[in-house]
Amino acid sequence: MGMITGPVMVAIMAIDPVLTLAQWFSPAYPVGAFAYSHGLEQAIADGDVTDTASLQAWIKAVLHHGAGRNDALFLAASYHGPDPAVIDAHLRAFASSKERLMEADLLGRAFAQITASLTGHDLSHLTYPVAVGRAAALVDLPIELTTAMFLQAFVSSLVSVGQRLIPIGQTDGQTIIAALAADCQQIARDTEGGDLSDLSSTAFLSDIAAMRHETLTSRVFRT
């Protein structure tokens, strides 16, 4: 029995957007998101995030005022734009620190490699949000749903950092993810046009934590 490849796989993926996106953003999809804390490890080490409430507040701030919303804009711009390389260059220039750029780049490489194997589309040399937006457009997935699930996966990754380092329990972690689901959906709606003139970042503590993490002496996560 032969392996499904190429256009046949593309057609299968386009049948049910929810199932396709659930696969892309599952912890089992080999992008290695578990290895990155987005600066949260430094914030926990500094005592800025110490419990369930402060973790939820930190993630909510990053979603609305930092990389969460901005990555959603880059994703949507890539989805709508004819040249993802231009969007990718913009994202790289907008990265607030060396580690933030590394995270976007390495996650993008991993996503591009596995997704190209499944769809036949070349997504190489694109950072993670840009690669996701381009892939979603190529296999005709809805932009709002793609962005909302991308953001929820981001939230889930940060929650897992808190569960490991604070630590908080599984129930508290899932409570945070559920509480921020509406935020993910709203940001997806607000950014679906991909207007990069709306880019901004006022999550200063998160940006500073990401910068300081570069010199953290003992660390579990890569960023």
C-alpha atoms as a PDB file:
ATOM      1  CA  MET A   1       0.000   0.000   0.000  1.00  0.00           C
ATOM      2  CA  GLY A   2       1.602   3.259  -1.165  1.00  0.00           C
ATOM      3  CA  MET A   3       2.182   6.371   0.933  1.00  0.00           C
ATOM      4  CA  ILE A   4      -0.102   9.358   0.323  1.00  0.00           C
ATOM      5  CA  THR A   5       1.910  12.284  -1.084  1.00  0.00           C
ATOM      6  CA  GLY A   6       1.734  15.531  -3.028  1.00  0.00           C
ATOM      7  CA  PRO A   7      -1.570  16.868  -4.371  1.00  0.00           C
ATOM      8  CA  VAL A   8      -3.546  13.996  -2.871  1.00  0.00           C
ATOM      9  CA  MET A   9      -2.364  14.962   0.599  1.00  0.00           C
ATOM     10  CA  VAL A  10      -3.159  18.623  -0.079  1.00  0.00           C
ATOM     11  CA  ALA A  11      -6.745  17.671  -0.971  1.00  0.00           C
ATOM     12  CA  ILE A  12      -7.103  15.596   2.182  1.00  0.00           C
ATOM     13  CA  MET A  13      -5.778  18.416   4.357  1.00  0.00           C
ATOM     14  CA  ALA A  14      -8.243  20.884   2.853  1.00  0.00           C
ATOM     15  CA  ILE A  15     -11.294  18.741   3.680  1.00  0.00           C
ATOM     16  CA  ASP A  16     -11.505  19.635   7.360  1.00  0.00           C
ATOM     17  CA  PRO A  17      -9.672  22.785   8.480  1.00  0.00           C
ATOM     18  CA  VAL A  18     -10.146  22.030  12.179  1.00  0.00           C
ATOM     19  CA  LEU A  19      -8.468  18.638  11.931  1.00  0.00           C
ATOM     20  CA  THR A  20      -5.614  20.003   9.832  1.00  0.00           C
ATOM     21  CA  LEU A  21      -4.950  22.861  12.234  1.00  0.00           C
ATOM     22  CA  ALA A  22      -5.284  20.592  15.255  1.00  0.00           C
ATOM     23  CA  GLN A  23      -2.492  18.495  13.741  1.00  0.00           C
ATOM     24  CA  TRP A  24      -0.295  21.512  12.942  1.00  0.00           C
ATOM     25  CA  PHE A  25      -0.558  22.921  16.466  1.00  0.00           C
ATOM     26  CA  SER A  26      -0.546  19.672  18.377  1.00  0.00           C
ATOM     27  CA  PRO A  27       2.398  19.077  20.737  1.00  0.00           C
ATOM     28  CA  ALA A  28       3.054  15.995  18.593  1.00  0.00           C
ATOM     29  CA  TYR A  29       3.797  18.127  15.518  1.00  0.00           C
ATOM     30  CA  PRO A  30       7.613  18.200  15.512  1.00  0.00           C
ATOM     31  CA  VAL A  31       8.361  21.917  15.652  1.00  0.00           C
ATOM     32  CA  GLY A  32       9.961  21.728  19.103  1.00  0.00           C
ATOM     33  CA  ALA A  33       7.902  24.508  20.724  1.00  0.00           C
ATOM     34  CA  PHE A  34       8.395  22.795  24.110  1.00  0.00           C
ATOM     35  CA  ALA A  35      12.036  23.959  24.095  1.00  0.00           C
ATOM     36  CA  TYR A  36      11.251  27.686  24.171  1.00  0.00           C
ATOM     37  CA  SER A  37       9.901  29.877  26.983  1.00  0.00           C
ATOM     38  CA  HIS A  38       9.708  33.231  25.145  1.00  0.00           C
ATOM     39  CA  GLY A  39      11.538  34.873  28.049  1.00  0.00           C
ATOM     40  CA  LEU A  40       9.134  33.493  30.643  1.00  0.00           C
ATOM     41  CA  GLU A  41      11.880  31.418  32.276  1.00  0.00           C
ATOM     42  CA  GLN A  42      13.708  34.647  33.126  1.00  0.00           C
ATOM     43  CA  ALA A  43      10.521  36.242  34.482  1.00  0.00           C
ATOM     44  CA  ILE A  44       9.992  33.261  36.781  1.00  0.00           C
ATOM     45  CA  ALA A  45      13.631  33.371  37.900  1.00  0.00           C
ATOM     46  CA  ASP A  46      13.225  37.081  38.674  1.00  0.00           C
ATOM     47  CA  GLY A  47      10.101  36.440  40.754  1.00  0.00           C
ATOM     48  CA  ASP A  48       7.824  38.402  38.410  1.00  0.00           C
ATOM     49  CA  VAL A  49       5.693  35.315  37.729  1.00  0.00           C
ATOM     50  CA  THR A  50       5.084  33.180  40.796  1.00  0.00           C
ATOM     51  CA  ASP A  51       1.618  31.604  40.644  1.00  0.00           C
ATOM     52  CA  THR A  52      -1.437  30.923  38.484  1.00  0.00           C
ATOM     53  CA  ALA A  53      -2.742  34.489  38.589  1.00  0.00           C
ATOM     54  CA  SER A  54       0.558  36.137  37.670  1.00  0.00           C
ATOM     55  CA  LEU A  55       1.192  33.578  34.919  1.00  0.00           C
ATOM     56  CA  GLN A  56      -2.210  34.255  33.368  1.00  0.00           C
ATOM     57  CA  ALA A  57      -1.659  38.015  33.586  1.00  0.00           C
ATOM     58  CA  TRP A  58       1.789  37.704  31.980  1.00  0.00           C
ATOM     59  CA  ILE A  59       0.517  35.604  29.077  1.00  0.00           C
ATOM     60  CA  LYS A  60      -2.503  37.882  28.557  1.00  0.00           C
ATOM     61  CA  ALA A  61      -0.216  40.913  28.330  1.00  0.00           C
ATOM     62  CA  VAL A  62       2.033  39.189  25.784  1.00  0.00           C
ATOM     63  CA  LEU A  63      -1.015  38.165  23.764  1.00  0.00           C
ATOM     64  CA  HIS A  64      -2.546  41.634  23.565  1.00  0.00           C
ATOM     65  CA  HIS A  65       0.464  43.940  23.706  1.00  0.00           C
ATOM     66  CA  GLY A  66       3.454  41.901  22.553  1.00  0.00           C
ATOM     67  CA  ALA A  67       4.446  39.017  20.333  1.00  0.00           C
ATOM     68  CA  GLY A  68       1.031  37.340  20.378  1.00  0.00           C
ATOM     69  CA  ARG A  69      -0.799  40.095  18.529  1.00  0.00           C
ATOM     70  CA  ASN A  70       2.180  40.971  16.350  1.00  0.00           C
ATOM     71  CA  ASP A  71       2.731  37.379  15.260  1.00  0.00           C
ATOM     72  CA  ALA A  72      -0.979  37.208  14.409  1.00  0.00           C
ATOM     73  CA  LEU A  73      -0.530  40.259  12.162  1.00  0.00           C
ATOM     74  CA  PHE A  74       2.514  38.738  10.462  1.00  0.00           C
ATOM     75  CA  LEU A  75       0.650  35.457   9.991  1.00  0.00           C
ATOM     76  CA  ALA A  76      -2.302  37.213   8.351  1.00  0.00           C
ATOM     77  CA  ALA A  77      -0.052  39.423   6.220  1.00  0.00           C
ATOM     78  CA  SER A  78       1.711  36.329   4.920  1.00  0.00           C
ATOM     79  CA  TYR A  79      -1.656  34.679   4.275  1.00  0.00           C
ATOM     80  CA  HIS A  80      -2.874  37.576   2.136  1.00  0.00           C
ATOM     81  CA  GLY A  81       0.390  38.785   0.627  1.00  0.00           C
ATOM     82  CA  PRO A  82       1.925  37.635  -2.668  1.00  0.00           C
ATOM     83  CA  ASP A  83       5.501  37.560  -1.360  1.00  0.00           C
ATOM     84  CA  PRO A  84       6.016  35.996   2.086  1.00  0.00           C
ATOM     85  CA  ALA A  85       9.751  36.789   1.938  1.00  0.00           C
ATOM     86  CA  VAL A  86       8.967  40.504   2.295  1.00  0.00           C
ATOM     87  CA  ILE A  87       6.776  39.836   5.341  1.00  0.00           C
ATOM     88  CA  ASP A  88       9.468  37.577   6.760  1.00  0.00           C
ATOM     89  CA  ALA A  89      12.107  40.290   6.470  1.00  0.00           C
ATOM     90  CA  HIS A  90       9.773  42.676   8.291  1.00  0.00           C
ATOM     91  CA  LEU A  91       9.266  40.182  11.134  1.00  0.00           C
ATOM     92  CA  ARG A  92      13.005  39.610  11.507  1.00  0.00           C
ATOM     93  CA  ALA A  93      13.612  43.358  11.709  1.00  0.00           C
ATOM     94  CA  PHE A  94      10.827  43.740  14.287  1.00  0.00           C
ATOM     95  CA  ALA A  95      12.148  41.042  16.633  1.00  0.00           C
ATOM     96  CA  SER A  96      12.927  42.606  20.005  1.00  0.00           C
ATOM     97  CA  SER A  97      15.909  40.413  20.916  1.00  0.00           C
ATOM     98  CA  LYS A  98      18.368  37.841  19.632  1.00  0.00           C
ATOM     99  CA  GLU A  99      16.504  34.991  21.318  1.00  0.00           C
ATOM    100  CA  ARG A 100      13.099  36.085  20.016  1.00  0.00           C
ATOM    101  CA  LEU A 101      14.500  36.030  16.497  1.00  0.00           C
ATOM    102  CA  MET A 102      16.128  32.638  17.055  1.00  0.00           C
ATOM    103  CA  GLU A 103      12.854  31.230  18.358  1.00  0.00           C
ATOM    104  CA  ALA A 104      10.864  32.463  15.354  1.00  0.00           C
ATOM    105  CA  ASP A 105      13.532  31.242  12.952  1.00  0.00           C
ATOM    106  CA  LEU A 106      14.045  27.743  14.357  1.00  0.00           C
ATOM    107  CA  LEU A 107      10.350  27.067  14.887  1.00  0.00           C
ATOM    108  CA  GLY A 108       9.774  28.231  11.322  1.00  0.00           C
ATOM    109  CA  ARG A 109      12.427  25.896   9.952  1.00  0.00           C
ATOM    110  CA  ALA A 110      10.951  22.921  11.760  1.00  0.00           C
ATOM    111  CA  PHE A 111       7.383  23.778  10.722  1.00  0.00           C
ATOM    112  CA  ALA A 112       8.468  24.297   7.112  1.00  0.00           C
ATOM    113  CA  GLN A 113      10.248  20.964   6.942  1.00  0.00           C
ATOM    114  CA  ILE A 114       7.421  18.786   8.215  1.00  0.00           C
ATOM    115  CA  THR A 115       4.645  20.740   6.488  1.00  0.00           C
ATOM    116  CA  ALA A 116       6.448  20.637   3.148  1.00  0.00           C
ATOM    117  CA  SER A 117       6.638  16.861   3.520  1.00  0.00           C
ATOM    118  CA  LEU A 118       2.864  16.724   4.012  1.00  0.00           C
ATOM    119  CA  THR A 119       1.742  19.298   1.443  1.00  0.00           C
ATOM    120  CA  GLY A 120       4.487  19.487  -1.165  1.00  0.00           C
ATOM    121  CA  HIS A 121       4.780  23.266  -0.695  1.00  0.00           C
ATOM    122  CA  ASP A 122       8.191  24.854  -0.117  1.00  0.00           C
ATOM    123  CA  LEU A 123       8.097  27.015   3.027  1.00  0.00           C
ATOM    124  CA  SER A 124      11.837  27.157   3.674  1.00  0.00           C
ATOM    125  CA  HIS A 125      13.601  30.230   5.088  1.00  0.00           C
ATOM    126  CA  LEU A 126      10.424  31.601   6.669  1.00  0.00           C
ATOM    127  CA  THR A 127       9.952  32.412  10.334  1.00  0.00           C
ATOM    128  CA  TYR A 128       7.209  30.552  12.180  1.00  0.00           C
ATOM    129  CA  PRO A 129       4.208  32.926  11.905  1.00  0.00           C
ATOM    130  CA  VAL A 130       5.024  33.707   8.280  1.00  0.00           C
ATOM    131  CA  ALA A 131       5.397  30.028   7.392  1.00  0.00           C
ATOM    132  CA  VAL A 132       2.079  29.202   9.076  1.00  0.00           C
ATOM    133  CA  GLY A 133       0.275  31.991   7.234  1.00  0.00           C
ATOM    134  CA  ARG A 134       1.736  30.965   3.891  1.00  0.00           C
ATOM    135  CA  ALA A 135       0.924  27.282   4.443  1.00  0.00           C
ATOM    136  CA  ALA A 136      -2.640  28.100   5.498  1.00  0.00           C
ATOM    137  CA  ALA A 137      -3.187  30.136   2.340  1.00  0.00           C
ATOM    138  CA  LEU A 138      -1.715  27.434   0.090  1.00  0.00           C
ATOM    139  CA  VAL A 139      -4.060  24.745   1.431  1.00  0.00           C
ATOM    140  CA  ASP A 140      -7.036  27.121   1.723  1.00  0.00           C
ATOM    141  CA  LEU A 141      -7.527  27.181   5.486  1.00  0.00           C
ATOM    142  CA  PRO A 142      -9.598  30.002   7.032  1.00  0.00           C
ATOM    143  CA  ILE A 143      -7.430  32.817   8.341  1.00  0.00           C
ATOM    144  CA  GLU A 144      -9.358  33.581  11.543  1.00  0.00           C
ATOM    145  CA  LEU A 145      -9.455  29.965  12.661  1.00  0.00           C
ATOM    146  CA  THR A 146      -5.794  29.464  11.770  1.00  0.00           C
ATOM    147  CA  THR A 147      -4.735  32.486  13.791  1.00  0.00           C
ATOM    148  CA  ALA A 148      -6.906  31.643  16.796  1.00  0.00           C
ATOM    149  CA  MET A 149      -5.507  28.117  16.990  1.00  0.00           C
ATOM    150  CA  PHE A 150      -1.953  29.395  16.450  1.00  0.00           C
ATOM    151  CA  LEU A 151      -2.407  31.760  19.395  1.00  0.00           C
ATOM    152  CA  GLN A 152      -3.940  29.081  21.591  1.00  0.00           C
ATOM    153  CA  ALA A 153      -0.945  26.839  20.878  1.00  0.00           C
ATOM    154  CA  PHE A 154       1.304  29.742  21.920  1.00  0.00           C
ATOM    155  CA  VAL A 155      -0.652  30.129  25.160  1.00  0.00           C
ATOM    156  CA  SER A 156      -0.431  26.392  25.801  1.00  0.00           C
ATOM    157  CA  SER A 157       3.348  26.432  25.347  1.00  0.00           C
ATOM    158  CA  LEU A 158       3.763  29.245  27.864  1.00  0.00           C
ATOM    159  CA  VAL A 159       1.437  27.525  30.318  1.00  0.00           C
ATOM    160  CA  SER A 160       3.588  24.402  30.081  1.00  0.00           C
ATOM    161  CA  VAL A 161       6.629  26.515  31.007  1.00  0.00           C
ATOM    162  CA  GLY A 162       4.800  27.678  34.123  1.00  0.00           C
ATOM    163  CA  GLN A 163       3.757  24.149  35.004  1.00  0.00           C
ATOM    164  CA  ARG A 164       7.352  23.058  34.839  1.00  0.00           C
ATOM    165  CA  LEU A 165       9.077  25.949  36.603  1.00  0.00           C
ATOM    166  CA  ILE A 166       6.697  27.604  39.103  1.00  0.00           C
ATOM    167  CA  PRO A 167       5.205  24.947  39.312  1.00  0.00           C
ATOM    168  CA  ILE A 168       1.430  25.022  38.918  1.00  0.00           C
ATOM    169  CA  GLY A 169      -0.876  22.031  38.556  1.00  0.00           C
ATOM    170  CA  GLN A 170      -2.544  20.608  35.470  1.00  0.00           C
ATOM    171  CA  THR A 171      -5.962  21.927  36.445  1.00  0.00           C
ATOM    172  CA  ASP A 172      -4.643  25.468  36.938  1.00  0.00           C
ATOM    173  CA  GLY A 173      -2.840  25.267  33.613  1.00  0.00           C
ATOM    174  CA  GLN A 174      -5.933  24.195  31.733  1.00  0.00           C
ATOM    175  CA  THR A 175      -7.936  26.905  33.493  1.00  0.00           C
ATOM    176  CA  ILE A 176      -5.564  29.538  32.102  1.00  0.00           C
ATOM    177  CA  ILE A 177      -5.832  28.145  28.572  1.00  0.00           C
ATOM    178  CA  ALA A 178      -9.625  28.145  28.782  1.00  0.00           C
ATOM    179  CA  ALA A 179      -9.713  31.657  30.261  1.00  0.00           C
ATOM    180  CA  LEU A 180      -7.589  33.044  27.416  1.00  0.00           C
ATOM    181  CA  ALA A 181      -9.444  31.268  24.591  1.00  0.00           C
ATOM    182  CA  ALA A 182     -11.717  34.266  24.016  1.00  0.00           C
ATOM    183  CA  ASP A 183      -8.646  36.522  23.852  1.00  0.00           C
ATOM    184  CA  CYS A 184      -7.148  34.325  21.136  1.00  0.00           C
ATOM    185  CA  GLN A 185     -10.362  34.470  19.167  1.00  0.00           C
ATOM    186  CA  GLN A 186     -10.707  38.240  19.510  1.00  0.00           C
ATOM    187  CA  ILE A 187      -7.121  38.918  18.466  1.00  0.00           C
ATOM    188  CA  ALA A 188      -7.608  36.628  15.466  1.00  0.00           C
ATOM    189  CA  ARG A 189     -10.631  38.695  14.415  1.00  0.00           C
ATOM    190  CA  ASP A 190      -8.852  41.991  14.960  1.00  0.00           C
ATOM    191  CA  THR A 191      -5.757  41.020  12.960  1.00  0.00           C
ATOM    192  CA  GLU A 192      -7.251  38.994  10.102  1.00  0.00           C
ATOM    193  CA  GLY A 193      -6.561  41.758   7.583  1.00  0.00           C
ATOM    194  CA  GLY A 194      -2.821  41.542   8.236  1.00  0.00           C
ATOM    195  CA  ASP A 195      -2.252  45.305   8.270  1.00  0.00           C
ATOM    196  CA  LEU A 196       1.353  45.681   9.410  1.00  0.00           C
ATOM    197  CA  SER A 197       0.855  49.383  10.106  1.00  0.00           C
ATOM    198  CA  ASP A 198      -0.935  48.132  13.249  1.00  0.00           C
ATOM    199  CA  LEU A 199       2.256  46.576  14.643  1.00  0.00           C
ATOM    200  CA  SER A 200       3.217  47.760  18.105  1.00  0.00           C
ATOM    201  CA  SER A 201       4.778  46.365  21.265  1.00  0.00           C
ATOM    202  CA  THR A 202       4.279  47.624  24.799  1.00  0.00           C
ATOM    203  CA  ALA A 203       4.924  44.349  26.643  1.00  0.00           C
ATOM    204  CA  PHE A 204       8.183  45.806  27.917  1.00  0.00           C
ATOM    205  CA  LEU A 205       8.759  43.411  30.802  1.00  0.00           C
ATOM    206  CA  SER A 206       8.417  40.456  28.431  1.00  0.00           C
ATOM    207  CA  ASP A 207      10.881  41.987  25.968  1.00  0.00           C
ATOM    208  CA  ILE A 208      13.387  42.756  28.712  1.00  0.00           C
ATOM    209  CA  ALA A 209      13.035  39.251  30.150  1.00  0.00           C
ATOM    210  CA  ALA A 210      13.755  37.790  26.716  1.00  0.00           C
ATOM    211  CA  MET A 211      16.895  39.925  26.449  1.00  0.00           C
ATOM    212  CA  ARG A 212      18.100  39.054  29.946  1.00  0.00           C
ATOM    213  CA  HIS A 213      17.484  35.336  29.360  1.00  0.00           C
ATOM    214  CA  GLU A 214      20.450  35.339  26.971  1.00  0.00           C
ATOM    215  CA  THR A 215      22.763  35.505  30.011  1.00  0.00           C
ATOM    216  CA  LEU A 216      20.729  33.449  32.495  1.00  0.00           C
ATOM    217  CA  THR A 217      23.292  31.164  34.141  1.00  0.00           C
ATOM    218  CA  SER A 218      21.210  28.030  34.643  1.00  0.00           C
ATOM    219  CA  ARG A 219      18.324  27.501  32.248  1.00  0.00           C
ATOM    220  CA  VAL A 220      16.012  24.778  31.026  1.00  0.00           C
ATOM    221  CA  PHE A 221      14.627  26.493  27.896  1.00  0.00           C
ATOM    222  CA  ARG A 222      16.413  27.850  24.833  1.00  0.00           C
ATOM    223  CA  THR A 223      14.694  31.247  25.036  1.00  0.00           C
END
